[in-house]
């Protein structure tokens, strides 16, 4: 995959309908950390990545159960 993590994460948050602040709270980091990831100034630590995946997976599962048409 040639995508940059930040651009991908920004799209996933948009699709999930999550703000940076909501996502940060669920992952257990600051909104500033999420912003830094999205703009490419930083990436999540290896310890944080599983939390990122879990929150996005839960958001996708919720969206699949309740599609907004």
N, C-alpha and C. Protein backbone atom coordinates (compact mmCIF):
# COMPACT_ATOMS: atom_id res chain seq x y z
N UNK A 1 0.85 -1.17 0.00
CA UNK A 1 0.00 0.00 0.00
C UNK A 1 0.89 1.23 0.00
N UNK A 2 0.65 2.16 -0.92
CA UNK A 2 1.47 3.35 -1.05
C UNK A 2 0.94 4.54 -0.25
N UNK A 3 -0.20 4.38 0.39
CA UNK A 3 -0.79 5.49 1.12
C UNK A 3 0.03 5.85 2.35
N UNK A 4 0.01 7.09 2.68
CA UNK A 4 0.60 7.54 3.94
C UNK A 4 -0.40 7.26 5.04
N UNK A 5 0.10 6.91 6.21
CA UNK A 5 -0.78 6.57 7.32
C UNK A 5 -1.74 7.70 7.67
N UNK A 6 -1.24 8.92 7.73
CA UNK A 6 -2.08 10.05 8.12
C UNK A 6 -3.27 10.27 7.20
N UNK A 7 -3.04 10.21 5.91
CA UNK A 7 -4.13 10.40 4.95
C UNK A 7 -5.15 9.28 5.10
N UNK A 8 -4.66 8.07 5.28
CA UNK A 8 -5.55 6.92 5.46
C UNK A 8 -6.36 7.09 6.74
N UNK A 9 -5.70 7.47 7.83
CA UNK A 9 -6.41 7.64 9.10
C UNK A 9 -7.47 8.73 9.01
N UNK A 10 -7.14 9.83 8.37
CA UNK A 10 -8.12 10.90 8.19
C UNK A 10 -9.36 10.41 7.46
N UNK A 11 -9.18 9.61 6.43
CA UNK A 11 -10.34 9.06 5.70
C UNK A 11 -11.14 8.12 6.58
N UNK A 12 -10.45 7.31 7.37
CA UNK A 12 -11.16 6.36 8.23
C UNK A 12 -11.98 7.09 9.29
N UNK A 13 -11.45 8.15 9.86
CA UNK A 13 -12.20 8.93 10.84
C UNK A 13 -13.43 9.57 10.20
N UNK A 14 -13.24 10.08 8.99
CA UNK A 14 -14.37 10.68 8.27
C UNK A 14 -15.46 9.64 8.01
N UNK A 15 -15.06 8.49 7.51
CA UNK A 15 -16.02 7.42 7.24
C UNK A 15 -16.75 6.96 8.48
N UNK A 16 -16.02 6.95 9.61
CA UNK A 16 -16.61 6.50 10.88
C UNK A 16 -17.42 7.60 11.55
N UNK A 17 -17.31 8.82 11.05
CA UNK A 17 -18.03 9.93 11.66
C UNK A 17 -17.45 10.34 13.00
N UNK A 18 -16.16 10.10 13.17
CA UNK A 18 -15.49 10.44 14.43
C UNK A 18 -14.68 11.72 14.27
N UNK A 19 -14.73 12.58 15.28
CA UNK A 19 -13.84 13.73 15.30
C UNK A 19 -12.48 13.27 15.83
N UNK A 20 -11.48 14.11 15.63
CA UNK A 20 -10.16 13.78 16.18
C UNK A 20 -10.24 13.66 17.70
N UNK A 21 -11.00 14.52 18.34
CA UNK A 21 -11.12 14.49 19.80
C UNK A 21 -11.80 13.21 20.27
N UNK A 22 -12.88 12.80 19.59
CA UNK A 22 -13.57 11.56 19.97
C UNK A 22 -12.66 10.35 19.80
N UNK A 23 -11.97 10.32 18.67
CA UNK A 23 -11.06 9.21 18.40
C UNK A 23 -9.93 9.18 19.44
N UNK A 24 -9.37 10.34 19.71
CA UNK A 24 -8.28 10.43 20.69
C UNK A 24 -8.73 9.90 22.05
N UNK A 25 -9.92 10.29 22.48
CA UNK A 25 -10.42 9.83 23.77
C UNK A 25 -10.56 8.31 23.80
N UNK A 26 -11.08 7.74 22.73
CA UNK A 26 -11.28 6.30 22.67
C UNK A 26 -9.95 5.54 22.63
N UNK A 27 -8.95 6.12 21.98
CA UNK A 27 -7.64 5.47 21.86
C UNK A 27 -6.81 5.70 23.12
N UNK A 28 -7.08 6.80 23.83
CA UNK A 28 -6.33 7.10 25.04
C UNK A 28 -5.12 7.98 24.80
N UNK A 29 -5.24 8.86 23.80
CA UNK A 29 -4.17 9.81 23.49
C UNK A 29 -4.78 11.20 23.41
N UNK A 30 -3.95 12.20 23.19
CA UNK A 30 -4.47 13.56 23.05
C UNK A 30 -4.95 13.82 21.63
N UNK A 31 -5.80 14.82 21.49
CA UNK A 31 -6.25 15.22 20.16
C UNK A 31 -5.06 15.72 19.35
N UNK A 32 -4.12 16.35 20.02
CA UNK A 32 -2.92 16.84 19.34
C UNK A 32 -2.11 15.68 18.74
N UNK A 33 -2.07 14.55 19.43
CA UNK A 33 -1.36 13.38 18.90
C UNK A 33 -2.04 12.89 17.63
N UNK A 34 -3.36 12.81 17.66
CA UNK A 34 -4.10 12.37 16.47
C UNK A 34 -3.87 13.34 15.32
N UNK A 35 -3.91 14.63 15.61
CA UNK A 35 -3.64 15.64 14.58
C UNK A 35 -2.25 15.45 13.98
N UNK A 36 -1.26 15.19 14.84
CA UNK A 36 0.11 14.98 14.35
C UNK A 36 0.18 13.75 13.46
N UNK A 37 -0.55 12.71 13.78
CA UNK A 37 -0.57 11.51 12.94
C UNK A 37 -1.16 11.83 11.57
N UNK A 38 -2.27 12.58 11.57
CA UNK A 38 -2.97 12.86 10.32
C UNK A 38 -2.14 13.74 9.39
N UNK A 39 -1.44 14.73 9.95
CA UNK A 39 -0.65 15.61 9.10
C UNK A 39 0.74 15.05 8.80
N UNK A 40 1.08 13.91 9.39
CA UNK A 40 2.34 13.25 9.08
C UNK A 40 3.53 13.67 9.92
N UNK A 41 3.29 14.38 11.02
CA UNK A 41 4.40 14.78 11.89
C UNK A 41 4.83 13.65 12.81
N UNK A 42 3.96 12.67 13.01
CA UNK A 42 4.25 11.56 13.92
C UNK A 42 3.42 10.36 13.49
N UNK A 43 3.74 9.22 14.06
CA UNK A 43 2.96 8.00 13.86
C UNK A 43 2.68 7.39 15.23
N UNK A 44 1.64 6.61 15.35
CA UNK A 44 1.36 5.97 16.64
C UNK A 44 2.48 5.02 17.03
N UNK A 45 2.68 4.89 18.32
CA UNK A 45 3.68 3.95 18.82
C UNK A 45 3.19 2.52 18.60
N UNK A 46 4.08 1.56 18.61
CA UNK A 46 3.66 0.16 18.48
C UNK A 46 2.67 -0.26 19.57
N UNK A 47 2.75 0.35 20.73
CA UNK A 47 1.81 0.04 21.81
C UNK A 47 0.42 0.60 21.51
N UNK A 48 0.37 1.74 20.83
CA UNK A 48 -0.89 2.41 20.54
C UNK A 48 -1.59 1.85 19.31
N UNK A 49 -0.86 1.30 18.37
CA UNK A 49 -1.46 0.81 17.11
C UNK A 49 -2.60 -0.19 17.32
N UNK A 50 -2.49 -1.15 18.23
CA UNK A 50 -3.62 -2.06 18.43
C UNK A 50 -4.88 -1.33 18.91
N UNK A 51 -4.71 -0.27 19.70
CA UNK A 51 -5.87 0.51 20.15
C UNK A 51 -6.49 1.25 18.98
N UNK A 52 -5.65 1.79 18.11
CA UNK A 52 -6.15 2.48 16.90
C UNK A 52 -6.98 1.50 16.08
N UNK A 53 -6.44 0.32 15.86
CA UNK A 53 -7.15 -0.70 15.07
C UNK A 53 -8.46 -1.10 15.73
N UNK A 54 -8.45 -1.28 17.04
CA UNK A 54 -9.66 -1.70 17.74
C UNK A 54 -10.76 -0.66 17.64
N UNK A 55 -10.41 0.61 17.80
CA UNK A 55 -11.42 1.68 17.73
C UNK A 55 -11.99 1.77 16.31
N UNK A 56 -11.13 1.69 15.31
CA UNK A 56 -11.62 1.76 13.93
C UNK A 56 -12.45 0.53 13.57
N UNK A 57 -12.07 -0.62 14.08
CA UNK A 57 -12.84 -1.84 13.83
C UNK A 57 -14.22 -1.74 14.46
N UNK A 58 -14.29 -1.23 15.69
CA UNK A 58 -15.57 -1.06 16.37
C UNK A 58 -16.44 -0.06 15.62
N UNK A 59 -15.84 1.01 15.13
CA UNK A 59 -16.60 2.02 14.38
C UNK A 59 -17.13 1.43 13.08
N UNK A 60 -16.33 0.61 12.41
CA UNK A 60 -16.77 -0.03 11.17
C UNK A 60 -17.90 -1.01 11.43
N UNK A 61 -17.80 -1.75 12.52
CA UNK A 61 -18.86 -2.72 12.86
C UNK A 61 -20.16 -1.99 13.18
N UNK A 62 -20.07 -0.88 13.87
CA UNK A 62 -21.27 -0.09 14.17
C UNK A 62 -21.90 0.44 12.90
N UNK A 63 -21.07 0.92 11.99
CA UNK A 63 -21.56 1.46 10.72
C UNK A 63 -22.22 0.35 9.90
N UNK A 64 -21.65 -0.84 9.92
CA UNK A 64 -22.21 -1.95 9.16
C UNK A 64 -23.58 -2.35 9.70
N UNK A 65 -23.75 -2.24 11.01
CA UNK A 65 -25.04 -2.59 11.62
C UNK A 65 -26.09 -1.51 11.40
N UNK A 66 -25.65 -0.27 11.28
CA UNK A 66 -26.56 0.86 11.16
C UNK A 66 -26.15 1.75 9.99
N UNK A 67 -26.24 1.24 8.76
CA UNK A 67 -25.83 2.07 7.62
C UNK A 67 -26.75 3.28 7.49
N UNK A 68 -26.14 4.39 7.14
CA UNK A 68 -26.91 5.62 6.95
C UNK A 68 -27.11 5.83 5.47
N UNK A 69 -28.32 5.60 5.04
CA UNK A 69 -28.62 5.73 3.61
C UNK A 69 -29.32 7.00 3.32
